[in-house]
N, C-alpha and C. Protein backbone atom coordinates (compact mmCIF):
# COMPACT_ATOMS: atom_id res chain seq x y z
N UNK A 1 2.19 0.00 -10.64
CA UNK A 1 2.96 -0.15 -9.42
C UNK A 1 2.16 -0.98 -8.42
N UNK A 2 2.88 -1.51 -7.45
CA UNK A 2 2.28 -2.25 -6.35
C UNK A 2 2.37 -1.41 -5.07
N UNK A 3 1.60 -1.80 -4.09
CA UNK A 3 1.68 -1.12 -2.79
C UNK A 3 1.34 -2.07 -1.65
N UNK A 4 1.83 -1.70 -0.49
CA UNK A 4 1.43 -2.28 0.79
C UNK A 4 1.09 -1.13 1.71
N UNK A 5 0.10 -1.32 2.55
CA UNK A 5 -0.17 -0.35 3.61
C UNK A 5 0.02 -1.07 4.93
N UNK A 6 0.95 -0.54 5.73
CA UNK A 6 1.29 -1.10 7.03
C UNK A 6 0.73 -0.21 8.13
N UNK A 7 0.57 -0.81 9.28
CA UNK A 7 0.17 -0.05 10.46
C UNK A 7 1.41 0.13 11.32
N UNK A 8 1.77 1.39 11.61
CA UNK A 8 2.95 1.62 12.44
C UNK A 8 2.59 1.43 13.92
N UNK A 9 3.56 1.65 14.77
CA UNK A 9 3.40 1.36 16.19
C UNK A 9 2.40 2.28 16.88
N UNK A 10 2.07 3.41 16.25
CA UNK A 10 1.07 4.31 16.82
C UNK A 10 -0.31 4.10 16.21
N UNK A 11 -0.42 3.14 15.29
CA UNK A 11 -1.71 2.86 14.65
C UNK A 11 -1.93 3.60 13.35
N UNK A 12 -0.96 4.44 12.95
CA UNK A 12 -1.08 5.18 11.68
C UNK A 12 -0.79 4.24 10.51
N UNK A 13 -1.52 4.44 9.42
CA UNK A 13 -1.31 3.64 8.22
C UNK A 13 -0.26 4.30 7.33
N UNK A 14 0.75 3.51 6.95
CA UNK A 14 1.89 3.99 6.18
C UNK A 14 1.94 3.23 4.86
N UNK A 15 1.79 3.92 3.72
CA UNK A 15 1.85 3.24 2.43
C UNK A 15 3.28 3.10 1.91
N UNK A 16 3.52 2.01 1.22
CA UNK A 16 4.78 1.76 0.53
C UNK A 16 4.45 1.40 -0.91
N UNK A 17 4.98 2.17 -1.86
CA UNK A 17 4.79 1.91 -3.28
C UNK A 17 6.09 1.37 -3.84
N UNK A 18 5.98 0.40 -4.76
CA UNK A 18 7.17 -0.24 -5.30
C UNK A 18 6.85 -0.82 -6.68
N UNK A 19 7.89 -1.14 -7.46
CA UNK A 19 7.70 -1.60 -8.84
C UNK A 19 6.99 -2.95 -8.92
N UNK A 20 6.34 -3.18 -10.04
CA UNK A 20 5.63 -4.44 -10.28
C UNK A 20 6.54 -5.66 -10.23
N UNK A 21 7.81 -5.50 -10.57
CA UNK A 21 8.72 -6.65 -10.62
C UNK A 21 9.06 -7.21 -9.24
N UNK A 22 8.75 -6.46 -8.17
CA UNK A 22 8.99 -6.92 -6.80
C UNK A 22 7.71 -7.56 -6.26
N UNK A 23 7.83 -8.76 -5.73
CA UNK A 23 6.67 -9.45 -5.17
C UNK A 23 6.23 -8.78 -3.87
N UNK A 24 4.92 -8.78 -3.65
CA UNK A 24 4.39 -8.21 -2.41
C UNK A 24 5.05 -8.87 -1.19
N UNK A 25 5.15 -10.19 -1.21
CA UNK A 25 5.69 -10.92 -0.07
C UNK A 25 7.17 -10.58 0.16
N UNK A 26 7.92 -10.36 -0.92
CA UNK A 26 9.33 -9.97 -0.76
C UNK A 26 9.46 -8.59 -0.15
N UNK A 27 8.62 -7.65 -0.58
CA UNK A 27 8.65 -6.32 0.00
C UNK A 27 8.22 -6.37 1.47
N UNK A 28 7.21 -7.16 1.76
CA UNK A 28 6.71 -7.27 3.13
C UNK A 28 7.85 -7.70 4.07
N UNK A 29 8.69 -8.63 3.62
CA UNK A 29 9.79 -9.13 4.45
C UNK A 29 10.81 -8.04 4.78
N UNK A 30 10.86 -6.98 3.98
CA UNK A 30 11.83 -5.90 4.18
C UNK A 30 11.34 -4.80 5.11
N UNK A 31 10.06 -4.81 5.42
CA UNK A 31 9.47 -3.71 6.19
C UNK A 31 9.50 -3.99 7.69
N UNK A 32 9.75 -2.96 8.49
CA UNK A 32 9.90 -3.15 9.93
C UNK A 32 8.58 -3.20 10.70
N UNK A 33 7.46 -3.14 10.01
CA UNK A 33 6.18 -3.07 10.70
C UNK A 33 5.58 -4.46 10.89
N UNK A 34 4.94 -4.68 12.03
CA UNK A 34 4.38 -5.99 12.37
C UNK A 34 3.11 -6.30 11.59
N UNK A 35 2.35 -5.27 11.25
CA UNK A 35 1.03 -5.51 10.65
C UNK A 35 0.92 -4.85 9.28
N UNK A 36 0.52 -5.64 8.30
CA UNK A 36 0.20 -5.12 6.97
C UNK A 36 -1.32 -5.23 6.83
N UNK A 37 -1.98 -4.12 6.49
CA UNK A 37 -3.45 -4.10 6.46
C UNK A 37 -4.03 -4.28 5.07
N UNK A 38 -3.24 -3.97 4.02
CA UNK A 38 -3.75 -4.18 2.66
C UNK A 38 -2.60 -4.24 1.67
N UNK A 39 -2.90 -4.80 0.50
CA UNK A 39 -1.91 -4.95 -0.56
C UNK A 39 -2.65 -4.92 -1.88
N UNK A 40 -1.98 -4.40 -2.90
CA UNK A 40 -2.61 -4.38 -4.21
C UNK A 40 -1.77 -3.64 -5.23
N UNK A 41 -2.45 -3.15 -6.23
CA UNK A 41 -1.85 -2.40 -7.33
C UNK A 41 -2.42 -0.99 -7.32
N UNK A 42 -1.63 -0.05 -7.79
CA UNK A 42 -2.06 1.34 -7.81
C UNK A 42 -1.74 1.97 -9.16
N UNK A 43 -2.67 2.75 -9.65
CA UNK A 43 -2.49 3.51 -10.89
C UNK A 43 -2.98 4.93 -10.67
N UNK A 44 -2.45 5.83 -11.46
CA UNK A 44 -2.92 7.21 -11.47
C UNK A 44 -3.83 7.36 -12.68
N UNK A 45 -5.11 7.65 -12.46
CA UNK A 45 -6.08 7.80 -13.53
C UNK A 45 -6.77 9.15 -13.38
N UNK A 46 -6.64 9.98 -14.39
CA UNK A 46 -7.26 11.31 -14.38
C UNK A 46 -6.92 12.11 -13.13
N UNK A 47 -5.66 12.00 -12.68
CA UNK A 47 -5.19 12.78 -11.55
C UNK A 47 -5.52 12.20 -10.19
N UNK A 48 -6.12 11.02 -10.14
CA UNK A 48 -6.47 10.39 -8.87
C UNK A 48 -5.90 8.98 -8.80
N UNK A 49 -5.53 8.56 -7.59
CA UNK A 49 -5.06 7.19 -7.40
C UNK A 49 -6.23 6.22 -7.45
N UNK A 50 -6.00 5.08 -8.08
CA UNK A 50 -6.97 3.99 -8.12
C UNK A 50 -6.25 2.74 -7.63
N UNK A 51 -6.79 2.09 -6.62
CA UNK A 51 -6.20 0.87 -6.05
C UNK A 51 -7.10 -0.32 -6.37
N UNK A 52 -6.46 -1.46 -6.67
CA UNK A 52 -7.22 -2.65 -7.05
C UNK A 52 -6.37 -3.90 -6.81
N UNK A 53 -7.01 -5.05 -6.92
CA UNK A 53 -6.30 -6.32 -6.81
C UNK A 53 -5.91 -6.66 -5.39
N UNK A 54 -4.87 -7.47 -5.29
CA UNK A 54 -4.40 -7.90 -3.98
C UNK A 54 -3.25 -8.87 -4.14
N UNK A 55 -2.96 -9.61 -3.08
CA UNK A 55 -1.90 -10.59 -3.11
C UNK A 55 -2.36 -11.85 -2.37
N UNK A 56 -2.38 -12.96 -3.09
CA UNK A 56 -2.82 -14.22 -2.51
C UNK A 56 -1.86 -14.78 -1.47
N UNK A 57 -0.56 -14.58 -1.66
CA UNK A 57 0.42 -15.08 -0.70
C UNK A 57 0.25 -14.43 0.67
N UNK A 58 -0.08 -13.15 0.68
CA UNK A 58 -0.30 -12.43 1.94
C UNK A 58 -1.76 -12.50 2.39
N UNK A 59 -2.62 -13.01 1.51
CA UNK A 59 -4.06 -13.07 1.78
C UNK A 59 -4.62 -11.68 2.11
N UNK A 60 -4.18 -10.68 1.32
CA UNK A 60 -4.63 -9.30 1.50
C UNK A 60 -5.09 -8.75 0.16
N UNK A 61 -5.99 -7.79 0.21
CA UNK A 61 -6.45 -7.15 -1.02
C UNK A 61 -6.57 -5.65 -0.82
N UNK A 62 -6.79 -4.96 -1.92
CA UNK A 62 -7.01 -3.51 -1.88
C UNK A 62 -8.31 -3.22 -1.16
N UNK A 63 -8.32 -2.12 -0.42
CA UNK A 63 -9.53 -1.68 0.28
C UNK A 63 -10.01 -0.37 -0.34
N UNK A 64 -11.28 -0.06 -0.22
CA UNK A 64 -11.80 1.19 -0.78
C UNK A 64 -11.08 2.44 -0.28
N UNK A 65 -10.62 2.44 0.95
CA UNK A 65 -9.99 3.63 1.53
C UNK A 65 -8.49 3.75 1.21
N UNK A 66 -7.91 2.77 0.54
CA UNK A 66 -6.47 2.79 0.27
C UNK A 66 -6.04 3.98 -0.58
N UNK A 67 -6.78 4.30 -1.62
CA UNK A 67 -6.40 5.42 -2.50
C UNK A 67 -6.36 6.73 -1.72
N UNK A 68 -7.33 6.95 -0.84
CA UNK A 68 -7.33 8.17 -0.02
C UNK A 68 -6.16 8.18 0.95
N UNK A 69 -5.86 7.04 1.56
CA UNK A 69 -4.74 6.94 2.50
C UNK A 69 -3.44 7.31 1.80
N UNK A 70 -3.23 6.78 0.62
CA UNK A 70 -2.00 7.05 -0.14
C UNK A 70 -1.95 8.51 -0.56
N UNK A 71 -3.06 9.03 -1.06
CA UNK A 71 -3.11 10.41 -1.50
C UNK A 71 -2.80 11.38 -0.36
N UNK A 72 -3.40 11.17 0.80
CA UNK A 72 -3.18 12.04 1.96
C UNK A 72 -1.73 11.93 2.42
N UNK A 73 -1.19 10.72 2.46
CA UNK A 73 0.18 10.52 2.92
C UNK A 73 1.17 11.27 2.05
N UNK A 74 1.01 11.20 0.74
CA UNK A 74 1.97 11.84 -0.15
C UNK A 74 1.70 13.33 -0.39
N UNK A 75 0.58 13.84 0.13
CA UNK A 75 0.32 15.25 0.00
C UNK A 75 0.67 16.04 1.27
N UNK A 76 1.10 15.35 2.31
CA UNK A 76 1.49 16.03 3.56
C UNK A 76 2.72 16.88 3.32
N UNK A 77 2.68 18.07 3.86
CA UNK A 77 3.84 18.96 3.77
C UNK A 77 4.75 18.68 4.94
N UNK A 78 6.01 18.58 4.65
CA UNK A 78 7.02 18.29 5.70
C UNK A 78 7.63 19.56 6.20
């Protein structure tokens, strides 16, 4: 899967995960956030998220903290 992490209007980082067949730049155009802070690919390995790669069109790459950001976001209880 691919992902983008955007910064919302309060400064919180919001991850978006989407299928490989969708280009990062196409997904970015659909999002209402002004700032995208990272982009890449995500896999689940041994129960943990692993983020890697990036997107040349957006000039963004995966950051070391992306996996934790995604994990925390999806583990929040609503």
